[in-house]
All heavy atoms as atom14 arrays in JSON, in Angstrom:
{
  "sequence": "GVGASAGAGVPAKHIDQVIGVAKAYSTRVGGGPFPTE",
  "atom14_mask": [
    [1, 1, 1, 1, 0, 0, 0, 0, 0, 0, 0, 0, 0, 0],
    [1, 1, 1, 1, 1, 1, 1, 0, 0, 0, 0, 0, 0, 0],
    [1, 1, 1, 1, 0, 0, 0, 0, 0, 0, 0, 0, 0, 0],
    [1, 1, 1, 1, 1, 0, 0, 0, 0, 0, 0, 0, 0, 0],
    [1, 1, 1, 1, 1, 1, 0, 0, 0, 0, 0, 0, 0, 0],
    [1, 1, 1, 1, 1, 0, 0, 0, 0, 0, 0, 0, 0, 0],
    [1, 1, 1, 1, 0, 0, 0, 0, 0, 0, 0, 0, 0, 0],
    [1, 1, 1, 1, 1, 0, 0, 0, 0, 0, 0, 0, 0, 0],
    [1, 1, 1, 1, 0, 0, 0, 0, 0, 0, 0, 0, 0, 0],
    [1, 1, 1, 1, 1, 1, 1, 0, 0, 0, 0, 0, 0, 0],
    [1, 1, 1, 1, 1, 1, 1, 0, 0, 0, 0, 0, 0, 0],
    [1, 1, 1, 1, 1, 0, 0, 0, 0, 0, 0, 0, 0, 0],
    [1, 1, 1, 1, 1, 1, 1, 1, 1, 0, 0, 0, 0, 0],
    [1, 1, 1, 1, 1, 1, 1, 1, 1, 1, 0, 0, 0, 0],
    [1, 1, 1, 1, 1, 1, 1, 1, 0, 0, 0, 0, 0, 0],
    [1, 1, 1, 1, 1, 1, 1, 1, 0, 0, 0, 0, 0, 0],
    [1, 1, 1, 1, 1, 1, 1, 1, 1, 0, 0, 0, 0, 0],
    [1, 1, 1, 1, 1, 1, 1, 0, 0, 0, 0, 0, 0, 0],
    [1, 1, 1, 1, 1, 1, 1, 1, 0, 0, 0, 0, 0, 0],
    [1, 1, 1, 1, 0, 0, 0, 0, 0, 0, 0, 0, 0, 0],
    [1, 1, 1, 1, 1, 1, 1, 0, 0, 0, 0, 0, 0, 0],
    [1, 1, 1, 1, 1, 0, 0, 0, 0, 0, 0, 0, 0, 0],
    [1, 1, 1, 1, 1, 1, 1, 1, 1, 0, 0, 0, 0, 0],
    [1, 1, 1, 1, 1, 0, 0, 0, 0, 0, 0, 0, 0, 0],
    [1, 1, 1, 1, 1, 1, 1, 1, 1, 1, 1, 1, 0, 0],
    [1, 1, 1, 1, 1, 1, 0, 0, 0, 0, 0, 0, 0, 0],
    [1, 1, 1, 1, 1, 1, 1, 0, 0, 0, 0, 0, 0, 0],
    [1, 1, 1, 1, 1, 1, 1, 1, 1, 1, 1, 0, 0, 0],
    [1, 1, 1, 1, 1, 1, 1, 0, 0, 0, 0, 0, 0, 0],
    [1, 1, 1, 1, 0, 0, 0, 0, 0, 0, 0, 0, 0, 0],
    [1, 1, 1, 1, 0, 0, 0, 0, 0, 0, 0, 0, 0, 0],
    [1, 1, 1, 1, 0, 0, 0, 0, 0, 0, 0, 0, 0, 0],
    [1, 1, 1, 1, 1, 1, 1, 0, 0, 0, 0, 0, 0, 0],
    [1, 1, 1, 1, 1, 1, 1, 1, 1, 1, 1, 0, 0, 0],
    [1, 1, 1, 1, 1, 1, 1, 0, 0, 0, 0, 0, 0, 0],
    [1, 1, 1, 1, 1, 1, 1, 0, 0, 0, 0, 0, 0, 0],
    [1, 1, 1, 1, 1, 1, 1, 1, 1, 0, 0, 0, 0, 0]
  ],
  "atom14_positions": [
    [[52.61, 44.93, 52.31], [53.64, 44.62, 51.28], [54.97, 44.18, 51.8], [55.72, 43.42, 51.12], [0.0, 0.0, 0.0], [0.0, 0.0, 0.0], [0.0, 0.0, 0.0], [0.0, 0.0, 0.0], [0.0, 0.0, 0.0], [0.0, 0.0, 0.0], [0.0, 0.0, 0.0], [0.0, 0.0, 0.0], [0.0, 0.0, 0.0], [0.0, 0.0, 0.0]],
    [[55.33, 44.57, 53.02], [56.63, 44.13, 53.58], [56.67, 42.64, 53.8], [57.81, 42.15, 54.09], [56.89, 45.0, 54.86], [56.95, 46.49, 54.58], [55.95, 44.61, 56.0], [0.0, 0.0, 0.0], [0.0, 0.0, 0.0], [0.0, 0.0, 0.0], [0.0, 0.0, 0.0], [0.0, 0.0, 0.0], [0.0, 0.0, 0.0], [0.0, 0.0, 0.0]],
    [[55.57, 42.0, 53.82], [55.62, 40.53, 54.14], [55.8, 39.64, 52.97], [56.05, 38.4, 53.1], [0.0, 0.0, 0.0], [0.0, 0.0, 0.0], [0.0, 0.0, 0.0], [0.0, 0.0, 0.0], [0.0, 0.0, 0.0], [0.0, 0.0, 0.0], [0.0, 0.0, 0.0], [0.0, 0.0, 0.0], [0.0, 0.0, 0.0], [0.0, 0.0, 0.0]],
    [[55.76, 40.14, 51.77], [55.77, 39.32, 50.57], [57.07, 38.55, 50.43], [57.09, 37.32, 50.23], [55.5, 40.13, 49.32], [0.0, 0.0, 0.0], [0.0, 0.0, 0.0], [0.0, 0.0, 0.0], [0.0, 0.0, 0.0], [0.0, 0.0, 0.0], [0.0, 0.0, 0.0], [0.0, 0.0, 0.0], [0.0, 0.0, 0.0], [0.0, 0.0, 0.0]],
    [[58.17, 39.25, 50.56], [59.48, 38.59, 50.44], [59.72, 37.57, 51.51], [60.26, 36.51, 51.3], [60.61, 39.67, 50.35], [60.5, 40.39, 49.23], [0.0, 0.0, 0.0], [0.0, 0.0, 0.0], [0.0, 0.0, 0.0], [0.0, 0.0, 0.0], [0.0, 0.0, 0.0], [0.0, 0.0, 0.0], [0.0, 0.0, 0.0], [0.0, 0.0, 0.0]],
    [[59.36, 37.92, 52.79], [59.64, 37.09, 53.86], [58.83, 35.79, 53.74], [59.33, 34.7, 53.95], [59.34, 37.75, 55.2], [0.0, 0.0, 0.0], [0.0, 0.0, 0.0], [0.0, 0.0, 0.0], [0.0, 0.0, 0.0], [0.0, 0.0, 0.0], [0.0, 0.0, 0.0], [0.0, 0.0, 0.0], [0.0, 0.0, 0.0], [0.0, 0.0, 0.0]],
    [[57.59, 35.88, 53.41], [56.74, 34.7, 53.33], [57.08, 33.82, 52.14], [57.06, 32.57, 52.27], [0.0, 0.0, 0.0], [0.0, 0.0, 0.0], [0.0, 0.0, 0.0], [0.0, 0.0, 0.0], [0.0, 0.0, 0.0], [0.0, 0.0, 0.0], [0.0, 0.0, 0.0], [0.0, 0.0, 0.0], [0.0, 0.0, 0.0], [0.0, 0.0, 0.0]],
    [[57.35, 34.39, 51.01], [57.64, 33.64, 49.77], [59.08, 33.18, 49.64], [59.41, 32.23, 48.93], [57.22, 34.49, 48.55], [0.0, 0.0, 0.0], [0.0, 0.0, 0.0], [0.0, 0.0, 0.0], [0.0, 0.0, 0.0], [0.0, 0.0, 0.0], [0.0, 0.0, 0.0], [0.0, 0.0, 0.0], [0.0, 0.0, 0.0], [0.0, 0.0, 0.0]],
    [[60.02, 33.95, 50.27], [61.36, 33.61, 50.1], [62.04, 34.17, 48.84], [63.03, 33.61, 48.41], [0.0, 0.0, 0.0], [0.0, 0.0, 0.0], [0.0, 0.0, 0.0], [0.0, 0.0, 0.0], [0.0, 0.0, 0.0], [0.0, 0.0, 0.0], [0.0, 0.0, 0.0], [0.0, 0.0, 0.0], [0.0, 0.0, 0.0], [0.0, 0.0, 0.0]],
    [[61.46, 35.22, 48.26], [61.96, 35.82, 47.09], [62.27, 37.26, 47.3], [61.49, 38.03, 47.96], [60.83, 35.8, 45.87], [61.4, 36.53, 44.71], [60.47, 34.32, 45.53], [0.0, 0.0, 0.0], [0.0, 0.0, 0.0], [0.0, 0.0, 0.0], [0.0, 0.0, 0.0], [0.0, 0.0, 0.0], [0.0, 0.0, 0.0], [0.0, 0.0, 0.0]],
    [[63.55, 37.67, 47.13], [63.97, 39.05, 47.44], [63.09, 40.07, 46.83], [62.61, 39.91, 45.71], [65.44, 39.09, 46.88], [65.92, 37.68, 46.94], [64.65, 36.84, 46.59], [0.0, 0.0, 0.0], [0.0, 0.0, 0.0], [0.0, 0.0, 0.0], [0.0, 0.0, 0.0], [0.0, 0.0, 0.0], [0.0, 0.0, 0.0], [0.0, 0.0, 0.0]],
    [[62.96, 41.21, 47.54], [62.03, 42.22, 47.12], [62.47, 42.85, 45.72], [61.59, 43.43, 45.0], [62.01, 43.34, 48.13], [0.0, 0.0, 0.0], [0.0, 0.0, 0.0], [0.0, 0.0, 0.0], [0.0, 0.0, 0.0], [0.0, 0.0, 0.0], [0.0, 0.0, 0.0], [0.0, 0.0, 0.0], [0.0, 0.0, 0.0], [0.0, 0.0, 0.0]],
    [[63.72, 42.79, 45.36], [64.09, 43.39, 44.12], [63.56, 42.67, 42.88], [63.6, 43.2, 41.78], [65.69, 43.33, 44.05], [66.3, 41.94, 43.84], [67.78, 42.03, 43.73], [68.42, 40.67, 43.56], [69.9, 40.78, 43.42], [0.0, 0.0, 0.0], [0.0, 0.0, 0.0], [0.0, 0.0, 0.0], [0.0, 0.0, 0.0], [0.0, 0.0, 0.0]],
    [[62.99, 41.53, 43.09], [62.33, 40.77, 42.05], [60.83, 41.12, 41.83], [60.2, 40.56, 40.99], [62.54, 39.29, 42.14], [64.01, 38.89, 42.21], [64.81, 39.1, 41.07], [64.75, 38.25, 43.13], [66.04, 38.64, 41.37], [65.97, 38.08, 42.52], [0.0, 0.0, 0.0], [0.0, 0.0, 0.0], [0.0, 0.0, 0.0], [0.0, 0.0, 0.0]],
    [[60.37, 41.97, 42.79], [58.94, 42.42, 42.62], [58.91, 43.76, 42.0], [59.29, 44.77, 42.54], [58.29, 42.4, 43.99], [58.33, 41.01, 44.69], [56.82, 42.87, 43.9], [57.82, 40.99, 46.03], [0.0, 0.0, 0.0], [0.0, 0.0, 0.0], [0.0, 0.0, 0.0], [0.0, 0.0, 0.0], [0.0, 0.0, 0.0], [0.0, 0.0, 0.0]],
    [[58.5, 43.76, 40.71], [58.52, 44.99, 39.9], [57.29, 45.92, 40.13], [57.37, 47.09, 39.8], [58.64, 44.64, 38.38], [59.77, 43.77, 38.15], [60.92, 44.01, 38.71], [59.64, 42.7, 37.42], [0.0, 0.0, 0.0], [0.0, 0.0, 0.0], [0.0, 0.0, 0.0], [0.0, 0.0, 0.0], [0.0, 0.0, 0.0], [0.0, 0.0, 0.0]],
    [[56.19, 45.33, 40.55], [54.95, 46.14, 40.59], [54.14, 45.65, 41.78], [53.93, 44.48, 41.99], [54.15, 45.81, 39.32], [52.83, 46.35, 39.26], [52.12, 46.03, 37.91], [51.98, 46.96, 37.02], [51.69, 44.84, 37.71], [0.0, 0.0, 0.0], [0.0, 0.0, 0.0], [0.0, 0.0, 0.0], [0.0, 0.0, 0.0], [0.0, 0.0, 0.0]],
    [[53.67, 46.6, 42.58], [52.78, 46.33, 43.68], [51.44, 46.96, 43.46], [51.4, 48.24, 43.27], [53.43, 46.78, 44.99], [52.47, 46.5, 46.2], [54.74, 46.12, 45.23], [0.0, 0.0, 0.0], [0.0, 0.0, 0.0], [0.0, 0.0, 0.0], [0.0, 0.0, 0.0], [0.0, 0.0, 0.0], [0.0, 0.0, 0.0], [0.0, 0.0, 0.0]],
    [[50.41, 46.17, 43.47], [49.01, 46.7, 43.3], [48.31, 46.72, 44.59], [48.15, 45.69, 45.2], [48.26, 45.9, 42.28], [49.14, 45.73, 40.99], [46.87, 46.4, 42.02], [49.0, 44.4, 40.29], [0.0, 0.0, 0.0], [0.0, 0.0, 0.0], [0.0, 0.0, 0.0], [0.0, 0.0, 0.0], [0.0, 0.0, 0.0], [0.0, 0.0, 0.0]],
    [[47.95, 47.91, 45.07], [47.18, 48.02, 46.28], [45.64, 47.96, 46.08], [45.26, 48.68, 45.13], [0.0, 0.0, 0.0], [0.0, 0.0, 0.0], [0.0, 0.0, 0.0], [0.0, 0.0, 0.0], [0.0, 0.0, 0.0], [0.0, 0.0, 0.0], [0.0, 0.0, 0.0], [0.0, 0.0, 0.0], [0.0, 0.0, 0.0], [0.0, 0.0, 0.0]],
    [[44.95, 47.2, 46.81], [43.55, 46.93, 46.62], [42.73, 47.54, 47.75], [43.04, 47.2, 48.99], [43.21, 45.44, 46.5], [41.76, 45.26, 46.12], [44.18, 44.78, 45.49], [0.0, 0.0, 0.0], [0.0, 0.0, 0.0], [0.0, 0.0, 0.0], [0.0, 0.0, 0.0], [0.0, 0.0, 0.0], [0.0, 0.0, 0.0], [0.0, 0.0, 0.0]],
    [[41.8, 48.38, 47.46], [40.97, 48.94, 48.51], [39.47, 49.05, 47.93], [39.23, 49.26, 46.72], [41.42, 50.36, 48.83], [0.0, 0.0, 0.0], [0.0, 0.0, 0.0], [0.0, 0.0, 0.0], [0.0, 0.0, 0.0], [0.0, 0.0, 0.0], [0.0, 0.0, 0.0], [0.0, 0.0, 0.0], [0.0, 0.0, 0.0], [0.0, 0.0, 0.0]],
    [[38.53, 48.8, 48.8], [37.18, 49.11, 48.47], [36.91, 50.53, 48.38], [37.68, 51.35, 48.93], [36.24, 48.51, 49.62], [36.07, 47.02, 49.55], [35.24, 46.49, 50.76], [35.08, 44.98, 50.72], [34.44, 44.53, 51.98], [0.0, 0.0, 0.0], [0.0, 0.0, 0.0], [0.0, 0.0, 0.0], [0.0, 0.0, 0.0], [0.0, 0.0, 0.0]],
    [[35.82, 50.93, 47.76], [35.49, 52.33, 47.57], [34.89, 52.8, 48.94], [34.62, 54.02, 48.96], [34.48, 52.49, 46.47], [0.0, 0.0, 0.0], [0.0, 0.0, 0.0], [0.0, 0.0, 0.0], [0.0, 0.0, 0.0], [0.0, 0.0, 0.0], [0.0, 0.0, 0.0], [0.0, 0.0, 0.0], [0.0, 0.0, 0.0], [0.0, 0.0, 0.0]],
    [[34.71, 51.99, 49.82], [34.36, 52.39, 51.27], [35.13, 51.56, 52.11], [36.23, 51.01, 51.7], [32.81, 52.12, 51.43], [32.39, 50.75, 51.0], [32.27, 49.66, 51.91], [32.07, 50.47, 49.61], [31.81, 48.43, 51.44], [31.67, 49.2, 49.26], [31.61, 48.15, 50.17], [31.21, 46.93, 49.76], [0.0, 0.0, 0.0], [0.0, 0.0, 0.0]],
    [[34.84, 51.38, 53.42], [35.63, 50.67, 54.37], [34.83, 49.61, 55.03], [33.61, 49.82, 55.35], [36.25, 51.6, 55.46], [36.96, 52.58, 54.82], [0.0, 0.0, 0.0], [0.0, 0.0, 0.0], [0.0, 0.0, 0.0], [0.0, 0.0, 0.0], [0.0, 0.0, 0.0], [0.0, 0.0, 0.0], [0.0, 0.0, 0.0], [0.0, 0.0, 0.0]],
    [[35.41, 48.43, 55.4], [34.81, 47.46, 56.23], [35.83, 46.88, 57.15], [37.04, 46.89, 56.94], [34.16, 46.27, 55.42], [35.28, 45.57, 54.7], [33.16, 46.77, 54.34], [0.0, 0.0, 0.0], [0.0, 0.0, 0.0], [0.0, 0.0, 0.0], [0.0, 0.0, 0.0], [0.0, 0.0, 0.0], [0.0, 0.0, 0.0], [0.0, 0.0, 0.0]],
    [[35.3, 46.22, 58.19], [36.19, 45.53, 59.16], [35.35, 44.37, 59.85], [34.16, 44.54, 60.06], [36.72, 46.48, 60.27], [37.59, 45.78, 61.26], [38.48, 46.72, 62.1], [39.49, 45.91, 62.7], [40.56, 46.41, 63.33], [40.75, 47.71, 63.44], [41.43, 45.65, 63.88], [0.0, 0.0, 0.0], [0.0, 0.0, 0.0], [0.0, 0.0, 0.0]],
    [[36.08, 43.29, 60.18], [35.44, 42.28, 60.89], [36.17, 42.06, 62.24], [37.37, 42.22, 62.3], [35.43, 40.9, 60.06], [35.0, 39.66, 60.98], [34.64, 41.01, 58.81], [0.0, 0.0, 0.0], [0.0, 0.0, 0.0], [0.0, 0.0, 0.0], [0.0, 0.0, 0.0], [0.0, 0.0, 0.0], [0.0, 0.0, 0.0], [0.0, 0.0, 0.0]],
    [[35.4, 41.77, 63.29], [36.05, 41.52, 64.6], [36.25, 42.88, 65.31], [35.71, 43.91, 64.89], [0.0, 0.0, 0.0], [0.0, 0.0, 0.0], [0.0, 0.0, 0.0], [0.0, 0.0, 0.0], [0.0, 0.0, 0.0], [0.0, 0.0, 0.0], [0.0, 0.0, 0.0], [0.0, 0.0, 0.0], [0.0, 0.0, 0.0], [0.0, 0.0, 0.0]],
    [[37.0, 42.77, 66.41], [37.17, 43.94, 67.29], [38.31, 44.89, 66.64], [38.96, 44.58, 65.68], [0.0, 0.0, 0.0], [0.0, 0.0, 0.0], [0.0, 0.0, 0.0], [0.0, 0.0, 0.0], [0.0, 0.0, 0.0], [0.0, 0.0, 0.0], [0.0, 0.0, 0.0], [0.0, 0.0, 0.0], [0.0, 0.0, 0.0], [0.0, 0.0, 0.0]],
    [[38.42, 45.98, 67.45], [39.52, 46.99, 67.05], [38.96, 48.31, 66.55], [37.83, 48.38, 66.21], [0.0, 0.0, 0.0], [0.0, 0.0, 0.0], [0.0, 0.0, 0.0], [0.0, 0.0, 0.0], [0.0, 0.0, 0.0], [0.0, 0.0, 0.0], [0.0, 0.0, 0.0], [0.0, 0.0, 0.0], [0.0, 0.0, 0.0], [0.0, 0.0, 0.0]],
    [[39.74, 49.25, 66.57], [39.3, 50.63, 66.12], [38.91, 50.79, 64.64], [39.54, 50.11, 63.87], [40.44, 51.5, 66.51], [41.68, 50.66, 66.46], [41.17, 49.32, 66.9], [0.0, 0.0, 0.0], [0.0, 0.0, 0.0], [0.0, 0.0, 0.0], [0.0, 0.0, 0.0], [0.0, 0.0, 0.0], [0.0, 0.0, 0.0], [0.0, 0.0, 0.0]],
    [[37.97, 51.65, 64.38], [37.49, 51.79, 62.94], [37.05, 53.18, 62.85], [35.79, 53.48, 63.12], [36.43, 50.73, 62.77], [35.83, 50.68, 61.33], [34.88, 49.75, 60.95], [36.28, 51.59, 60.34], [34.39, 49.71, 59.72], [35.72, 51.54, 59.03], [34.83, 50.6, 58.72], [0.0, 0.0, 0.0], [0.0, 0.0, 0.0], [0.0, 0.0, 0.0]],
    [[37.82, 54.16, 62.63], [37.51, 55.61, 62.66], [36.29, 56.01, 61.88], [35.49, 56.9, 62.34], [38.74, 56.32, 62.15], [39.89, 55.36, 62.51], [39.3, 53.99, 62.25], [0.0, 0.0, 0.0], [0.0, 0.0, 0.0], [0.0, 0.0, 0.0], [0.0, 0.0, 0.0], [0.0, 0.0, 0.0], [0.0, 0.0, 0.0], [0.0, 0.0, 0.0]],
    [[36.02, 55.47, 60.7], [34.96, 55.93, 59.89], [33.73, 54.99, 59.98], [32.83, 55.1, 59.07], [35.39, 56.01, 58.44], [35.64, 54.74, 57.87], [36.58, 56.95, 58.27], [0.0, 0.0, 0.0], [0.0, 0.0, 0.0], [0.0, 0.0, 0.0], [0.0, 0.0, 0.0], [0.0, 0.0, 0.0], [0.0, 0.0, 0.0], [0.0, 0.0, 0.0]],
    [[33.6, 54.19, 60.97], [32.5, 53.21, 61.07], [31.18, 53.94, 61.17], [31.06, 54.95, 61.86], [32.77, 52.29, 62.28], [31.68, 51.28, 62.39], [31.93, 50.17, 63.44], [32.95, 50.43, 64.26], [31.22, 49.2, 63.53], [0.0, 0.0, 0.0], [0.0, 0.0, 0.0], [0.0, 0.0, 0.0], [0.0, 0.0, 0.0], [0.0, 0.0, 0.0]]
  ]
}
């Protein structure tokens, strides 16, 4: 969420609501750690 203002050029004070999206389980593509794999 910290990237929204920087990428769009709109100050964070104008974002009233942030919706976080997650699957009911976990997935990953590519390399890197994945504790619950």
